[in-house]
Amino acid sequence: MSRIQKQTLLYMVLTAVIFVGGYFFLRAAYHLSEPTPFTQEIILIVLGTIATVLITAILLNKQTEVELTKEQNIKFIELKSSIYLDLFNYLEKMLQHPEISERDVVELQFLTHKLAISASPDVLNQYQNLLKVFSRSIGDHHFDYRERTDLHQALAQLTVQIRRDLIGDLDLESHFSRREIERQVMENNATTSRTYDQYHPSKEG
């Protein structure tokens, strides 16, 4: 339980105690306050003021908790986005390299650890498929045409899961289904692959 939640619980308990205690106190003070007509009104005002202060404190603590949670979620999404972009930048660099070095593989290992911190389970599962393609492709320390195509295919599938992880709720509010979005992502990848084929008609690495 967080500090704010503990404070909220304490304020709620105090409010309940005041209401219950005030009720019995008013009953006992009813007969005692007959000689002074305004005593009961004063007691009610005091109890009402205390209850108002406590209720206001509860609402403010709840608002603070909501704002802190929102801020934490924003920072977490920013962390995710940064790591995902690092992965995309890394793969772009690898596909432009003439050869894959040991240093490049070490960098991939650390990217894998970073992903383990914040990526969703679906992203991690799909990332495993990309790692398998990557591992099969670097036996000769460079990517040929077929290996590039396979890697882009795996990356497109990973992109679908990353999109769901980052903006999945917004997609649910759109008039496109998840299947339609996934199909569009894969079609876009296929189109860029055909463009690459035109640039390299011989289909050599």
Protein backbone atom coordinates (compact mmCIF):
# COMPACT_ATOMS: atom_id res chain seq x y z
CA MET A 1 0.00 0.00 0.00
CA SER A 2 1.42 3.39 -1.01
CA ARG A 3 1.87 6.33 1.34
CA ILE A 4 -1.02 8.22 -0.27
CA GLN A 5 -3.32 5.21 0.03
CA LYS A 6 -2.43 4.91 3.72
CA GLN A 7 -3.20 8.59 4.25
CA THR A 8 -6.53 8.24 2.47
CA LEU A 9 -7.45 5.24 4.62
CA LEU A 10 -6.50 7.18 7.76
CA TYR A 11 -8.67 10.15 6.75
CA MET A 12 -11.60 7.83 6.03
CA VAL A 13 -11.26 6.21 9.46
CA LEU A 14 -11.06 9.59 11.16
CA THR A 15 -14.15 10.79 9.28
CA ALA A 16 -16.10 7.71 10.34
CA VAL A 17 -14.98 8.14 13.96
CA ILE A 18 -16.05 11.80 13.94
CA PHE A 19 -19.48 11.04 12.47
CA VAL A 20 -20.15 8.16 14.86
CA GLY A 21 -18.69 9.98 17.86
CA GLY A 22 -20.53 13.17 16.89
CA TYR A 23 -23.81 11.32 16.72
CA PHE A 24 -23.52 9.96 20.25
CA PHE A 25 -22.11 13.23 21.52
CA LEU A 26 -25.09 15.15 20.13
CA ARG A 27 -27.48 12.74 21.77
CA ALA A 28 -25.75 13.21 25.12
CA ALA A 29 -25.46 16.96 24.68
CA TYR A 30 -29.08 17.40 23.61
CA HIS A 31 -30.46 17.53 27.12
CA LEU A 32 -27.42 19.28 28.58
CA SER A 33 -27.67 22.13 26.08
CA GLU A 34 -31.28 23.08 26.79
CA PRO A 35 -30.33 26.14 28.96
CA THR A 36 -28.21 27.49 26.05
CA PRO A 37 -30.27 27.36 22.82
CA PHE A 38 -27.36 27.96 20.46
CA THR A 39 -25.05 25.27 21.84
CA GLN A 40 -26.38 22.51 19.60
CA GLU A 41 -26.05 24.71 16.52
CA ILE A 42 -22.44 25.50 17.41
CA ILE A 43 -21.66 21.83 17.94
CA LEU A 44 -23.17 20.97 14.57
CA ILE A 45 -21.14 23.69 12.86
CA VAL A 46 -17.90 22.46 14.43
CA LEU A 47 -18.57 18.83 13.53
CA GLY A 48 -19.60 19.79 10.01
CA THR A 49 -16.44 21.83 9.55
CA ILE A 50 -14.21 18.99 10.74
CA ALA A 51 -16.00 16.50 8.51
CA THR A 52 -15.70 18.85 5.52
CA VAL A 53 -11.95 19.25 6.11
CA LEU A 54 -11.43 15.50 6.28
CA ILE A 55 -13.53 14.78 3.19
CA THR A 56 -11.63 17.49 1.29
CA ALA A 57 -8.35 15.90 2.39
CA ILE A 58 -9.53 12.50 1.12
CA LEU A 59 -10.48 13.95 -2.27
CA LEU A 60 -7.18 15.82 -2.60
CA ASN A 61 -5.19 12.70 -1.74
CA LYS A 62 -7.16 10.69 -4.30
CA GLN A 63 -6.55 13.36 -6.94
CA THR A 64 -2.83 13.36 -6.12
CA GLU A 65 -2.70 9.57 -6.43
CA VAL A 66 -4.41 9.68 -9.84
CA GLU A 67 -2.03 12.38 -11.08
CA LEU A 68 1.03 10.46 -9.88
CA THR A 69 -0.21 7.27 -11.53
CA LYS A 70 -0.82 9.15 -14.78
CA GLU A 71 2.66 10.67 -14.67
CA GLN A 72 4.24 7.27 -14.00
CA ASN A 73 2.35 5.74 -16.94
CA ILE A 74 3.57 8.54 -19.24
CA LYS A 75 7.18 8.01 -18.18
CA PHE A 76 6.82 4.25 -18.65
CA ILE A 77 5.47 4.71 -22.18
CA GLU A 78 8.34 7.10 -22.93
CA LEU A 79 10.79 4.45 -21.71
CA LYS A 80 9.15 1.80 -23.88
CA SER A 81 9.15 4.04 -26.93
CA SER A 82 12.82 4.89 -26.46
CA ILE A 83 13.86 1.23 -26.24
CA TYR A 84 11.73 0.24 -29.22
CA LEU A 85 13.27 3.04 -31.30
CA ASP A 86 16.74 1.91 -30.22
CA LEU A 87 15.91 -1.54 -31.56
CA PHE A 88 14.68 -0.17 -34.89
CA ASN A 89 17.78 2.01 -35.23
CA TYR A 90 20.01 -0.95 -34.44
CA LEU A 91 18.39 -3.20 -37.05
CA GLU A 92 18.56 -0.42 -39.63
CA LYS A 93 22.27 -0.09 -38.94
CA MET A 94 22.81 -3.85 -39.17
CA LEU A 95 21.12 -4.10 -42.56
CA GLN A 96 23.34 -1.31 -43.87
CA HIS A 97 26.55 -2.89 -42.55
CA PRO A 98 28.75 -4.86 -44.93
CA GLU A 99 29.57 -7.24 -42.08
CA ILE A 100 28.26 -8.09 -38.61
CA SER A 101 30.90 -7.82 -35.91
CA GLU A 102 31.11 -9.27 -32.40
CA ARG A 103 30.49 -5.76 -31.07
CA ASP A 104 27.20 -5.66 -32.99
CA VAL A 105 26.09 -8.92 -31.38
CA VAL A 106 26.99 -7.62 -27.90
CA GLU A 107 24.90 -4.51 -28.60
CA LEU A 108 21.97 -6.76 -29.52
CA GLN A 109 22.39 -8.62 -26.23
CA PHE A 110 22.06 -5.39 -24.26
CA LEU A 111 19.06 -4.32 -26.33
CA THR A 112 17.48 -7.65 -25.41
CA HIS A 113 18.01 -6.90 -21.72
CA LYS A 114 16.50 -3.44 -22.14
CA LEU A 115 13.42 -4.91 -23.79
CA ALA A 116 13.01 -7.31 -20.88
CA ILE A 117 12.49 -4.31 -18.59
CA SER A 118 9.45 -2.80 -20.24
CA ALA A 119 8.21 -4.73 -23.29
CA SER A 120 4.84 -6.47 -23.10
CA PRO A 121 4.72 -10.31 -23.08
CA ASP A 122 3.39 -10.32 -26.67
CA VAL A 123 6.29 -8.13 -27.80
CA LEU A 124 8.83 -10.35 -26.03
CA ASN A 125 7.31 -13.44 -27.62
CA GLN A 126 7.42 -11.96 -31.12
CA TYR A 127 10.92 -10.59 -30.47
CA GLN A 128 12.05 -14.17 -29.87
CA ASN A 129 11.02 -15.02 -33.43
CA LEU A 130 13.02 -12.07 -34.75
CA LEU A 131 16.06 -13.20 -32.74
CA LYS A 132 15.83 -16.65 -34.32
CA VAL A 133 15.81 -15.13 -37.81
CA PHE A 134 18.70 -12.85 -36.89
CA SER A 135 20.71 -15.72 -35.43
CA ARG A 136 20.22 -17.89 -38.52
CA SER A 137 21.26 -15.03 -40.76
CA ILE A 138 24.64 -14.05 -39.29
CA GLY A 139 26.48 -17.32 -39.76
CA ASP A 140 28.56 -15.74 -42.53
CA HIS A 141 28.61 -12.33 -40.76
CA HIS A 142 26.43 -10.54 -43.29
CA PHE A 143 22.86 -10.54 -44.63
CA ASP A 144 22.05 -11.75 -48.12
CA TYR A 145 18.84 -10.95 -50.00
CA ARG A 146 16.80 -13.82 -48.57
CA GLU A 147 17.97 -13.10 -45.03
CA ARG A 148 17.10 -9.41 -45.35
CA THR A 149 13.61 -10.32 -46.54
CA ASP A 150 13.08 -12.75 -43.67
CA LEU A 151 14.33 -10.19 -41.16
CA HIS A 152 12.03 -7.48 -42.50
CA GLN A 153 9.11 -9.93 -42.33
CA ALA A 154 9.89 -10.75 -38.70
CA LEU A 155 10.34 -7.07 -37.91
CA ALA A 156 6.96 -6.22 -39.45
CA GLN A 157 5.29 -8.84 -37.25
CA LEU A 158 7.13 -7.41 -34.24
CA THR A 159 6.00 -3.92 -35.20
CA VAL A 160 2.38 -5.04 -35.00
CA GLN A 161 2.88 -6.13 -31.38
CA ILE A 162 4.80 -2.96 -30.51
CA ARG A 163 1.97 -0.87 -31.93
CA ARG A 164 -0.54 -2.76 -29.79
CA ASP A 165 1.66 -2.26 -26.75
CA LEU A 166 2.01 1.50 -27.25
CA ILE A 167 -1.29 2.64 -28.76
CA GLY A 168 -3.52 -0.43 -28.65
CA ASP A 169 -6.28 1.40 -26.78
CA LEU A 170 -6.43 4.10 -29.44
CA ASP A 171 -6.70 1.46 -32.16
CA LEU A 172 -9.66 -0.07 -30.34
CA GLU A 173 -11.42 3.30 -30.55
CA SER A 174 -10.86 3.54 -34.31
CA HIS A 175 -13.05 1.97 -36.99
CA PHE A 176 -10.25 -0.44 -37.97
CA SER A 177 -10.00 -3.86 -36.37
CA ARG A 178 -6.72 -5.26 -35.08
CA ARG A 179 -6.67 -7.76 -37.92
CA GLU A 180 -7.09 -4.97 -40.48
CA ILE A 181 -4.26 -2.96 -38.93
CA GLU A 182 -2.00 -6.01 -38.87
CA ARG A 183 -2.80 -6.76 -42.51
CA GLN A 184 -2.01 -3.16 -43.48
CA VAL A 185 1.35 -3.27 -41.67
CA MET A 186 2.31 -6.48 -43.45
CA GLU A 187 1.18 -5.12 -46.82
CA ASN A 188 3.29 -2.01 -46.30
CA ASN A 189 6.30 -4.21 -45.57
CA ALA A 190 5.64 -6.25 -48.71
CA THR A 191 5.42 -3.06 -50.78
CA THR A 192 8.76 -1.76 -49.52
CA SER A 193 10.29 -5.19 -50.19
CA ARG A 194 9.10 -5.03 -53.80
CA THR A 195 10.63 -1.57 -54.05
CA TYR A 196 13.92 -3.03 -52.83
CA ASP A 197 13.61 -5.76 -55.47
CA GLN A 198 13.40 -3.08 -58.17
CA TYR A 199 16.52 -1.42 -56.84
CA HIS A 200 18.35 -4.78 -56.73
CA PRO A 201 16.89 -6.80 -59.59
CA SER A 202 19.64 -9.40 -59.28
CA LYS A 203 18.48 -10.11 -55.69
CA GLU A 204 22.00 -10.34 -54.37
CA GLY A 205 22.89 -9.25 -50.82
